[in-house]
Amino acid sequence: GNFLRKAKICDGKTTTGTSVAHQLVTPSGMITVEASFTEGTATTCTALVIDLEGSVTGVNYFALASHTFSSAERTAKCAMFHLADKPVEYVRTNITTLTKTGANDVAVSVSILSAT
């Protein structure tokens, strides 16, 4: 498995849906999430919602936190949010909303830091 405490768990994803799951080094209920995106030429992200999903077994995943990018966060092209008191061993992202204007891609990346 991909054991981690700090890592990029979603790298340049351009569609909605889940990322590959990663196993934490030590199960943790305190996680900081930093999400960012890039926009292709003449393309603007108009809505972005990212869920952090977790599992105890690595089989069934449940939404632990959801973050809707504000207008200011979309302008900055980044956001940070936190998860507490929900210990899990496996995590993944789920981009539930990704809308844009323009013909090029919006590419989303997410990094996490888990505290033990």
C-alpha atoms as a PDB file:
ATOM      1  CA  GLY A   1       0.000   0.000   0.000  1.00  0.00           C
ATOM      2  CA  ASN A   2       0.863   3.676  -0.138  1.00  0.00           C
ATOM      3  CA  PHE A   3       1.651   4.435   3.527  1.00  0.00           C
ATOM      4  CA  LEU A   4       1.743   8.108   4.326  1.00  0.00           C
ATOM      5  CA  ARG A   5       1.690  10.811   6.946  1.00  0.00           C
ATOM      6  CA  LYS A   6       2.200  13.728   4.551  1.00  0.00           C
ATOM      7  CA  ALA A   7       1.640  13.328   0.836  1.00  0.00           C
ATOM      8  CA  LYS A   8      -0.070  14.494  -2.318  1.00  0.00           C
ATOM      9  CA  ILE A   9      -3.063  12.174  -2.657  1.00  0.00           C
ATOM     10  CA  CYS A  10      -4.585  13.720  -5.786  1.00  0.00           C
ATOM     11  CA  ASP A  11      -2.340  15.083  -8.531  1.00  0.00           C
ATOM     12  CA  GLY A  12      -3.730  17.073 -11.443  1.00  0.00           C
ATOM     13  CA  LYS A  13      -7.171  15.405 -11.585  1.00  0.00           C
ATOM     14  CA  THR A  14      -9.306  17.037 -14.300  1.00  0.00           C
ATOM     15  CA  THR A  15     -12.625  15.221 -13.753  1.00  0.00           C
ATOM     16  CA  THR A  16     -15.045  14.564 -10.920  1.00  0.00           C
ATOM     17  CA  GLY A  17     -14.736  11.297  -9.013  1.00  0.00           C
ATOM     18  CA  THR A  18     -12.460   9.578  -6.526  1.00  0.00           C
ATOM     19  CA  SER A  19      -8.691   9.400  -6.375  1.00  0.00           C
ATOM     20  CA  VAL A  20      -6.618   6.339  -5.525  1.00  0.00           C
ATOM     21  CA  ALA A  21      -6.881   5.513  -1.797  1.00  0.00           C
ATOM     22  CA  HIS A  22      -3.831   5.790   0.447  1.00  0.00           C
ATOM     23  CA  GLN A  23      -3.111   4.079   3.752  1.00  0.00           C
ATOM     24  CA  LEU A  24      -1.956   6.266   6.621  1.00  0.00           C
ATOM     25  CA  VAL A  25       1.216   5.242   8.489  1.00  0.00           C
ATOM     26  CA  THR A  26      -0.748   5.455  11.744  1.00  0.00           C
ATOM     27  CA  PRO A  27      -4.546   5.703  11.781  1.00  0.00           C
ATOM     28  CA  SER A  28      -5.414   9.320  12.408  1.00  0.00           C
ATOM     29  CA  GLY A  29      -8.475  11.418  13.139  1.00  0.00           C
ATOM     30  CA  MET A  30      -6.694  14.739  12.681  1.00  0.00           C
ATOM     31  CA  ILE A  31      -5.933  15.617   9.083  1.00  0.00           C
ATOM     32  CA  THR A  32      -5.113  18.920   7.379  1.00  0.00           C
ATOM     33  CA  VAL A  33      -6.062  19.145   3.722  1.00  0.00           C
ATOM     34  CA  GLU A  34      -4.497  21.596   1.268  1.00  0.00           C
ATOM     35  CA  ALA A  35      -6.177  21.722  -2.141  1.00  0.00           C
ATOM     36  CA  SER A  36      -5.176  23.722  -5.187  1.00  0.00           C
ATOM     37  CA  PHE A  37      -5.845  23.873  -8.892  1.00  0.00           C
ATOM     38  CA  THR A  38      -4.462  25.238 -12.118  1.00  0.00           C
ATOM     39  CA  GLU A  39      -6.487  26.546 -15.027  1.00  0.00           C
ATOM     40  CA  GLY A  40      -5.738  26.078 -18.701  1.00  0.00           C
ATOM     41  CA  THR A  41      -5.504  29.067 -21.025  1.00  0.00           C
ATOM     42  CA  ALA A  42      -8.752  31.098 -21.187  1.00  0.00           C
ATOM     43  CA  THR A  43     -10.369  28.711 -18.663  1.00  0.00           C
ATOM     44  CA  THR A  44     -11.871  29.662 -15.286  1.00  0.00           C
ATOM     45  CA  CYS A  45     -12.978  27.377 -12.454  1.00  0.00           C
ATOM     46  CA  THR A  46     -16.533  28.439 -11.498  1.00  0.00           C
ATOM     47  CA  ALA A  47     -17.274  25.801  -8.826  1.00  0.00           C
ATOM     48  CA  LEU A  48     -15.207  23.218  -6.960  1.00  0.00           C
ATOM     49  CA  VAL A  49     -16.243  20.876  -4.140  1.00  0.00           C
ATOM     50  CA  ILE A  50     -13.805  18.340  -2.702  1.00  0.00           C
ATOM     51  CA  ASP A  51     -14.718  15.608  -0.208  1.00  0.00           C
ATOM     52  CA  LEU A  52     -12.181  13.784   1.926  1.00  0.00           C
ATOM     53  CA  GLU A  53     -13.341  10.194   2.285  1.00  0.00           C
ATOM     54  CA  GLY A  54     -12.107   7.636   4.773  1.00  0.00           C
ATOM     55  CA  SER A  55     -12.258   3.937   5.552  1.00  0.00           C
ATOM     56  CA  VAL A  56     -11.244   1.633   8.373  1.00  0.00           C
ATOM     57  CA  THR A  57     -10.902  -1.433   6.132  1.00  0.00           C
ATOM     58  CA  GLY A  58      -9.954   0.059   2.764  1.00  0.00           C
ATOM     59  CA  VAL A  59     -13.122  -1.429   1.266  1.00  0.00           C
ATOM     60  CA  ASN A  60     -15.998   0.932   2.092  1.00  0.00           C
ATOM     61  CA  TYR A  61     -15.473   4.717   1.958  1.00  0.00           C
ATOM     62  CA  PHE A  62     -17.472   7.452   3.657  1.00  0.00           C
ATOM     63  CA  ALA A  63     -17.391  11.243   3.377  1.00  0.00           C
ATOM     64  CA  LEU A  64     -15.532  12.664   6.397  1.00  0.00           C
ATOM     65  CA  ALA A  65     -15.430  16.308   5.320  1.00  0.00           C
ATOM     66  CA  SER A  66     -16.552  18.371   2.364  1.00  0.00           C
ATOM     67  CA  HIS A  67     -15.143  21.709   1.249  1.00  0.00           C
ATOM     68  CA  THR A  68     -16.785  24.079  -1.216  1.00  0.00           C
ATOM     69  CA  PHE A  69     -14.294  26.596  -2.598  1.00  0.00           C
ATOM     70  CA  SER A  70     -15.398  30.167  -1.910  1.00  0.00           C
ATOM     71  CA  SER A  71     -15.061  32.885  -4.521  1.00  0.00           C
ATOM     72  CA  ALA A  72     -11.897  34.130  -2.781  1.00  0.00           C
ATOM     73  CA  GLU A  73     -10.430  30.592  -2.706  1.00  0.00           C
ATOM     74  CA  ARG A  74     -11.192  30.145  -6.416  1.00  0.00           C
ATOM     75  CA  THR A  75      -9.426  33.455  -7.105  1.00  0.00           C
ATOM     76  CA  ALA A  76      -6.429  32.317  -5.015  1.00  0.00           C
ATOM     77  CA  LYS A  77      -6.671  28.839  -6.599  1.00  0.00           C
ATOM     78  CA  CYS A  78      -6.145  27.171  -3.213  1.00  0.00           C
ATOM     79  CA  ALA A  79      -7.859  26.309   0.075  1.00  0.00           C
ATOM     80  CA  MET A  80      -7.113  24.574   3.357  1.00  0.00           C
ATOM     81  CA  PHE A  81      -9.507  22.691   5.606  1.00  0.00           C
ATOM     82  CA  HIS A  82      -9.206  20.386   8.601  1.00  0.00           C
ATOM     83  CA  LEU A  83     -10.657  17.144   9.893  1.00  0.00           C
ATOM     84  CA  ALA A  84     -10.810  16.220  13.586  1.00  0.00           C
ATOM     85  CA  ASP A  85     -12.172  13.358  15.679  1.00  0.00           C
ATOM     86  CA  LYS A  86     -12.803  10.946  12.790  1.00  0.00           C
ATOM     87  CA  PRO A  87     -10.021   8.333  12.962  1.00  0.00           C
ATOM     88  CA  VAL A  88      -9.486   6.283   9.789  1.00  0.00           C
ATOM     89  CA  GLU A  89      -6.700   4.206   8.278  1.00  0.00           C
ATOM     90  CA  TYR A  90      -7.354   4.883   4.572  1.00  0.00           C
ATOM     91  CA  VAL A  91      -8.100   8.206   2.840  1.00  0.00           C
ATOM     92  CA  ARG A  92      -8.951   9.395  -0.644  1.00  0.00           C
ATOM     93  CA  THR A  93     -10.389  12.480  -2.284  1.00  0.00           C
ATOM     94  CA  ASN A  94     -13.647  12.723  -4.167  1.00  0.00           C
ATOM     95  CA  ILE A  95     -14.157  15.737  -6.411  1.00  0.00           C
ATOM     96  CA  THR A  96     -17.938  15.993  -6.338  1.00  0.00           C
ATOM     97  CA  THR A  97     -18.259  19.263  -8.290  1.00  0.00           C
ATOM     98  CA  LEU A  98     -15.894  20.708 -10.886  1.00  0.00           C
ATOM     99  CA  THR A  99     -17.329  23.274 -13.276  1.00  0.00           C
ATOM    100  CA  LYS A 100     -15.544  25.735 -15.512  1.00  0.00           C
ATOM    101  CA  THR A 101     -15.840  28.133 -18.377  1.00  0.00           C
ATOM    102  CA  GLY A 102     -13.537  27.717 -21.360  1.00  0.00           C
ATOM    103  CA  ALA A 103     -12.350  24.732 -23.336  1.00  0.00           C
ATOM    104  CA  ASN A 104      -9.235  23.787 -21.370  1.00  0.00           C
ATOM    105  CA  ASP A 105      -8.793  21.768 -18.174  1.00  0.00           C
ATOM    106  CA  VAL A 106      -8.921  22.693 -14.516  1.00  0.00           C
ATOM    107  CA  ALA A 107      -6.427  20.358 -12.794  1.00  0.00           C
ATOM    108  CA  VAL A 108      -6.940  19.698  -9.065  1.00  0.00           C
ATOM    109  CA  SER A 109      -4.250  18.570  -6.619  1.00  0.00           C
ATOM    110  CA  VAL A 110      -4.696  17.701  -2.939  1.00  0.00           C
ATOM    111  CA  SER A 111      -2.087  17.149  -0.227  1.00  0.00           C
ATOM    112  CA  ILE A 112      -2.706  15.989   3.330  1.00  0.00           C
ATOM    113  CA  LEU A 113      -0.885  15.951   6.634  1.00  0.00           C
ATOM    114  CA  SER A 114      -2.063  13.501   9.282  1.00  0.00           C
ATOM    115  CA  ALA A 115      -1.271  13.948  12.974  1.00  0.00           C
ATOM    116  CA  THR A 116      -0.905  11.004  15.315  1.00  0.00           C
END
